[in-house]
Protein backbone atom coordinates (compact mmCIF):
# COMPACT_ATOMS: atom_id res chain seq x y z
CA MET A 1 86.45 93.43 119.30
CA THR A 2 87.10 91.06 122.18
CA ALA A 3 88.65 87.58 121.87
CA SER A 4 85.12 86.14 122.06
CA GLY A 5 84.02 88.22 119.03
CA LYS A 6 82.00 90.80 120.93
CA ASN A 7 82.17 94.40 119.72
CA VAL A 8 83.01 96.84 122.49
CA SER A 9 83.62 100.56 122.42
CA VAL A 10 87.10 101.84 123.09
CA SER A 11 87.45 105.05 125.06
CA ALA A 12 89.54 107.99 123.86
CA LYS A 13 91.97 107.29 126.70
CA GLU A 14 92.33 103.65 125.58
CA LYS A 15 92.84 104.76 121.95
CA ASP A 16 95.56 107.20 123.02
CA ALA A 17 97.28 104.53 125.11
CA MET A 18 97.20 102.12 122.16
CA ALA A 19 98.52 104.78 119.76
CA ASN A 20 101.37 105.57 122.16
CA LYS A 21 102.23 101.87 122.51
CA ILE A 22 102.29 101.52 118.71
CA LYS A 23 104.63 104.55 118.44
CA ASP A 24 106.88 103.06 121.11
CA VAL A 25 107.14 99.77 119.24
CA ALA A 26 107.68 101.56 115.90
CA SER A 27 110.48 103.61 117.44
CA LEU A 28 112.33 100.34 118.05
CA GLY A 29 112.38 99.77 114.27
CA TYR A 30 109.34 97.52 113.97
CA ARG A 31 106.73 97.85 111.27
CA VAL A 32 103.32 97.83 112.87
CA LEU A 33 100.36 96.42 110.95
CA GLY A 34 96.86 96.91 112.29
CA PHE A 35 94.04 94.46 111.68
CA ALA A 36 90.33 95.17 111.58
CA ILE A 37 87.30 93.20 110.48
CA GLY A 38 83.91 94.06 109.08
CA LEU A 39 81.81 90.94 109.55
CA ASP A 40 79.08 92.33 107.32
CA GLY A 41 81.55 93.80 104.83
CA GLY A 42 81.73 97.17 106.56
CA SER A 43 81.85 100.06 104.12
CA MET A 44 83.12 97.76 101.37
CA LYS A 45 80.11 95.46 101.07
CA HIS A 46 79.18 97.07 97.75
CA ILE A 47 82.52 96.09 96.17
CA THR A 48 82.39 93.16 93.80
CA LYS A 49 84.91 91.49 91.55
CA ALA A 50 83.44 93.47 88.64
CA ASN A 51 83.82 96.94 90.23
CA ALA A 52 86.82 96.39 92.56
CA SER A 53 89.36 97.97 90.23
CA ASP A 54 87.31 101.16 89.83
CA GLU A 55 86.25 101.38 93.47
CA LEU A 56 89.69 100.77 94.94
CA SER A 57 91.79 102.85 92.53
CA ASP A 58 90.83 106.18 94.13
CA THR A 59 92.94 106.55 97.28
CA THR A 60 90.84 109.49 98.46
CA LYS A 61 88.06 106.96 99.18
CA TYR A 62 90.18 104.82 101.50
CA ALA A 63 89.26 106.54 104.76
CA GLN A 64 85.57 106.05 104.02
CA LEU A 65 86.04 102.49 102.77
CA GLU A 66 88.04 101.56 105.86
CA SER A 67 85.38 102.81 108.25
CA ASN A 68 82.73 100.76 110.08
CA LEU A 69 85.25 98.08 111.04
CA SER A 70 86.16 96.54 114.38
CA PHE A 71 89.79 96.76 115.46
CA VAL A 72 91.15 93.29 116.16
CA GLY A 73 94.77 94.02 117.02
CA TYR A 74 98.18 94.69 115.60
CA ILE A 75 101.28 92.75 114.79
CA CYS A 76 104.88 93.94 114.77
CA ILE A 77 107.44 92.74 112.26
CA MET A 78 111.13 93.48 111.89
CA ASP A 79 112.39 93.66 108.34
CA PRO A 80 116.08 92.87 108.76
CA VAL A 81 118.56 95.11 106.98
CA ARG A 82 120.65 93.25 104.39
CA SER A 83 124.19 92.64 105.60
CA GLU A 84 125.84 94.70 102.85
CA VAL A 85 123.86 97.89 103.51
CA GLU A 86 125.83 99.17 106.50
CA GLY A 87 129.16 98.88 104.65
CA ALA A 88 127.72 100.55 101.55
CA ILE A 89 126.53 103.50 103.65
CA GLN A 90 129.97 103.83 105.24
CA ASP A 91 131.57 103.73 101.77
CA CYS A 92 129.23 106.52 100.61
CA ARG A 93 130.10 108.65 103.63
CA ARG A 94 133.86 108.19 103.03
CA ALA A 95 133.33 109.21 99.39
CA GLY A 96 131.51 112.39 100.48
CA ILE A 97 128.10 111.19 99.32
CA ASN A 98 125.12 112.23 101.40
CA VAL A 99 122.85 109.28 102.08
CA ILE A 100 119.11 109.75 101.74
CA MET A 101 116.72 107.05 102.93
CA ILE A 102 113.31 106.96 101.24
CA THR A 103 110.71 104.61 102.69
CA GLY A 104 107.02 104.05 103.12
CA ASP A 105 107.56 103.22 106.79
CA ALA A 106 106.17 105.31 109.64
CA LYS A 107 108.44 108.11 110.86
CA GLU A 108 109.28 106.35 114.14
CA THR A 109 110.28 103.15 112.33
CA ALA A 110 112.28 105.02 109.68
CA VAL A 111 114.20 107.06 112.28
CA ALA A 112 115.09 103.94 114.29
CA ILE A 113 116.41 102.17 111.18
CA ALA A 114 118.27 105.29 109.95
CA LYS A 115 119.98 105.67 113.33
CA LYS A 116 120.91 101.99 113.41
CA LEU A 117 122.50 102.35 109.96
CA ASN A 118 124.17 105.69 110.80
CA ILE A 119 122.26 107.48 108.06
CA ILE A 120 121.40 110.01 110.73
CA SER A 121 123.46 110.46 113.86
CA PRO A 122 122.02 110.20 117.37
CA SER A 123 122.70 113.91 117.86
CA GLN A 124 121.03 114.96 114.60
CA SER A 125 117.76 116.86 114.90
CA ILE A 126 114.86 114.72 113.67
CA GLU A 127 112.90 117.87 112.79
CA SER A 128 115.59 118.98 110.32
CA SER A 129 116.52 115.58 108.93
CA CYS A 130 113.36 113.45 108.73
CA PHE A 131 110.28 114.39 106.73
CA THR A 132 107.12 112.61 105.69
CA GLY A 133 106.12 112.65 102.04
CA ALA A 134 103.18 114.90 102.93
CA GLU A 135 105.47 117.36 104.76
CA PHE A 136 107.82 117.47 101.77
CA GLU A 137 104.91 117.98 99.39
CA LYS A 138 103.73 121.07 101.30
CA MET A 139 107.16 122.78 101.14
CA ASN A 140 107.97 125.42 98.57
CA GLU A 141 110.87 124.79 96.19
CA GLN A 142 113.33 126.89 98.20
CA LYS A 143 112.58 124.94 101.39
CA ARG A 144 112.89 121.63 99.50
CA LEU A 145 116.32 122.66 98.22
CA SER A 146 117.47 123.90 101.62
CA ILE A 147 116.59 120.70 103.52
CA LEU A 148 118.81 118.75 101.15
CA ASP A 149 121.82 120.99 101.89
CA GLY A 150 124.59 120.00 104.26
CA HIS A 151 126.49 116.82 104.89
CA ASN A 152 124.03 115.03 107.15
CA GLY A 153 121.86 112.15 106.04
CA LYS A 154 118.16 112.66 105.46
CA VAL A 155 115.14 110.42 105.85
CA PHE A 156 111.91 110.64 103.88
CA CYS A 157 109.18 108.42 105.26
CA ARG A 158 105.53 107.65 104.53
CA VAL A 159 106.55 108.36 100.95
CA GLU A 160 104.22 107.66 98.04
CA PRO A 161 105.27 107.42 94.37
CA ARG A 162 104.34 111.06 93.68
CA HIS A 163 106.59 112.18 96.56
CA LYS A 164 109.47 110.15 95.13
CA ARG A 165 109.05 111.86 91.75
CA GLU A 166 109.14 115.30 93.38
CA LEU A 167 112.17 114.39 95.47
CA VAL A 168 114.06 113.19 92.38
CA LYS A 169 113.15 116.41 90.54
CA VAL A 170 114.58 118.49 93.40
CA LEU A 171 117.75 116.38 93.54
CA ILE A 172 118.24 116.73 89.77
CA SER A 173 117.67 120.48 90.04
CA LYS A 174 120.18 120.66 92.89
CA VAL A 175 122.85 118.77 90.93
CA SER A 176 122.19 120.89 87.81
CA GLN A 177 122.56 124.12 89.82
CA ARG A 178 125.82 122.89 91.36
CA ASP A 179 127.19 121.87 87.93
CA ILE A 180 126.37 125.29 86.48
CA LEU A 181 128.04 127.09 89.39
CA ASN A 182 131.13 124.85 89.12
CA TYR A 183 131.31 125.45 85.37
CA PHE A 184 131.27 129.22 85.74
CA SER A 185 133.67 129.24 88.68
CA LEU A 186 136.20 127.25 86.64
CA GLY A 187 135.96 129.59 83.62
């Protein structure tokens, strides 16, 4: 949609350029929020106060509900890190604790913040240290356990509550396995 309110088509090339610009901004640590409008209600015109809870509770419907809209633009925001976080991460590292960052942010944003906080080092491979919730969900248990090995920080991004539950289960399993091995090696 133009500034004057006229709907115009956006070419695939323009969409790609916009997507790349958004990734560039996100890689600087910004959260990027897109805005769209459906002047006639778009694909949500059937939603009323009475049925909103039922209609909007199924996340599998979101792609369809968010269609038939006009892109207006995007805004970038920086959520500043609290002053005590950096010191706490350094304290964890000195104590031998691996730091894991879990966020709903986009991968580019999460990586930028994790590097700024030294959760992951500049030389660390993003492919082996940063995973989306969906990527984690698709892994088998052995792969999930293996990615949490080592002494490098990890980042889990675009994480939903179900991904957090699975991640905690794997971490508990990992600690339990280590405790059992330590118990038998001491005996």
